[in-house]
Amino acid sequence: MNSLFLKIKERLNNKSGETMVEVIVAFTVLSIMMLLFAQGLAWATNTEARATNTRNDADKAMIDLQDKLAGVNTEPGSPLPGVQIDRYVFQVDGHNYVVYIND
């Protein structure tokens, strides 16, 4: 029984452990790491949003280009009078594209 009290007394008198300065330093380092992670996450989210906007703008520009190309030279016949030119019409996404080939 006496040895049990002796062990408890040794444990209570043990001065090893973390100091307040060590805890504050560890908390500060953890806070900095969390701040860097949050900033990286915000940067990735903003970059993804800009990429989506750019992709949507590029899609709209392609649709506008297809509309303009589909409206040019859709009349049958040769673009050069008196010259035999083969004419091919391709339909892509509801737009007609006319290709002339002179052999």
Protein backbone atom coordinates (compact mmCIF):
# COMPACT_ATOMS: atom_id res chain seq x y z
CA MET A 1 0.00 0.00 0.00
CA ASN A 2 2.88 2.28 0.81
CA SER A 3 4.39 1.77 -2.67
CA LEU A 4 1.09 2.79 -4.27
CA PHE A 5 1.13 6.12 -2.44
CA LEU A 6 4.77 6.53 -3.38
CA LYS A 7 3.99 6.04 -7.08
CA ILE A 8 1.10 8.51 -6.91
CA LYS A 9 3.32 11.06 -5.15
CA GLU A 10 6.01 10.63 -7.84
CA ARG A 11 3.44 11.21 -10.57
CA LEU A 12 2.12 14.34 -8.89
CA ASN A 13 5.61 15.76 -8.37
CA ASN A 14 6.62 15.05 -11.99
CA LYS A 15 7.27 18.42 -13.64
CA SER A 16 7.61 17.17 -17.23
CA GLY A 17 5.04 18.35 -19.76
CA GLU A 18 4.31 21.19 -22.14
CA THR A 19 4.99 24.76 -21.15
CA MET A 20 2.60 27.58 -21.96
CA VAL A 21 5.06 28.98 -24.53
CA GLU A 22 5.21 25.63 -26.36
CA VAL A 23 1.41 25.45 -26.49
CA ILE A 24 1.15 29.02 -27.84
CA VAL A 25 3.82 28.36 -30.49
CA ALA A 26 2.09 25.14 -31.58
CA PHE A 27 -1.27 26.94 -31.78
CA THR A 28 0.29 29.77 -33.82
CA VAL A 29 1.87 27.33 -36.28
CA LEU A 30 -1.44 25.46 -36.60
CA SER A 31 -3.29 28.74 -37.22
CA ILE A 32 -0.84 29.75 -39.96
CA MET A 33 -1.20 26.35 -41.65
CA MET A 34 -5.00 26.58 -41.53
CA LEU A 35 -4.87 30.11 -42.98
CA LEU A 36 -2.67 28.93 -45.87
CA PHE A 37 -5.03 26.03 -46.55
CA ALA A 38 -8.07 28.34 -46.56
CA GLN A 39 -6.34 30.78 -48.93
CA GLY A 40 -5.41 27.93 -51.27
CA LEU A 41 -8.97 26.67 -51.26
CA ALA A 42 -10.33 30.14 -52.02
CA TRP A 43 -7.81 30.57 -54.86
CA ALA A 44 -8.79 27.19 -56.36
CA THR A 45 -12.49 28.05 -56.16
CA ASN A 46 -11.98 31.44 -57.85
CA THR A 47 -9.80 29.87 -60.56
CA GLU A 48 -12.44 27.23 -61.27
CA ALA A 49 -15.13 29.93 -61.57
CA ARG A 50 -12.98 31.97 -63.98
CA ALA A 51 -12.27 28.83 -66.05
CA THR A 52 -16.00 28.07 -66.23
CA ASN A 53 -16.73 31.64 -67.40
CA THR A 54 -13.97 31.45 -70.00
CA ARG A 55 -15.26 28.10 -71.26
CA ASN A 56 -18.82 29.46 -71.51
CA ASP A 57 -17.57 32.54 -73.38
CA ALA A 58 -15.61 30.34 -75.79
CA ASP A 59 -18.68 28.17 -76.39
CA LYS A 60 -20.76 31.27 -77.11
CA ALA A 61 -18.09 32.61 -79.47
CA MET A 62 -18.04 29.29 -81.34
CA ILE A 63 -21.83 29.31 -81.68
CA ASP A 64 -21.69 32.91 -82.98
CA LEU A 65 -18.99 31.92 -85.48
CA GLN A 66 -21.05 28.95 -86.66
CA ASP A 67 -24.08 31.21 -87.10
CA LYS A 68 -22.04 33.68 -89.17
CA LEU A 69 -20.48 30.94 -91.29
CA ALA A 70 -23.82 29.27 -91.87
CA GLY A 71 -25.26 32.52 -93.21
CA VAL A 72 -22.53 33.02 -95.85
CA ASN A 73 -22.65 31.48 -99.36
CA THR A 74 -25.62 29.20 -98.80
CA GLU A 75 -27.00 29.83 -102.29
CA PRO A 76 -26.48 26.97 -104.75
CA GLY A 77 -24.11 27.51 -107.62
CA SER A 78 -20.53 28.42 -108.25
CA PRO A 79 -18.95 31.39 -106.45
CA LEU A 80 -16.99 32.09 -109.67
CA PRO A 81 -19.21 32.42 -112.75
CA GLY A 82 -18.08 30.25 -115.67
CA VAL A 83 -15.77 28.04 -113.55
CA GLN A 84 -16.74 24.45 -112.74
CA ILE A 85 -16.40 24.04 -108.98
CA ASP A 86 -17.64 21.13 -106.90
CA ARG A 87 -19.87 22.17 -104.03
CA TYR A 88 -20.35 20.22 -100.81
CA VAL A 89 -22.74 21.10 -98.01
CA PHE A 90 -21.98 19.90 -94.49
CA GLN A 91 -24.46 20.18 -91.67
CA VAL A 92 -23.06 20.55 -88.15
CA ASP A 93 -25.19 21.34 -85.11
CA GLY A 94 -28.05 22.54 -87.30
CA HIS A 95 -25.83 24.87 -89.37
CA ASN A 96 -25.04 24.35 -93.05
CA TYR A 97 -21.45 24.85 -94.20
CA VAL A 98 -20.73 25.11 -97.91
CA VAL A 99 -17.32 24.00 -99.20
CA TYR A 100 -16.25 24.66 -102.80
CA ILE A 101 -13.47 22.60 -104.40
CA ASN A 102 -11.85 23.48 -107.71
CA ASP A 103 -10.02 20.52 -109.25
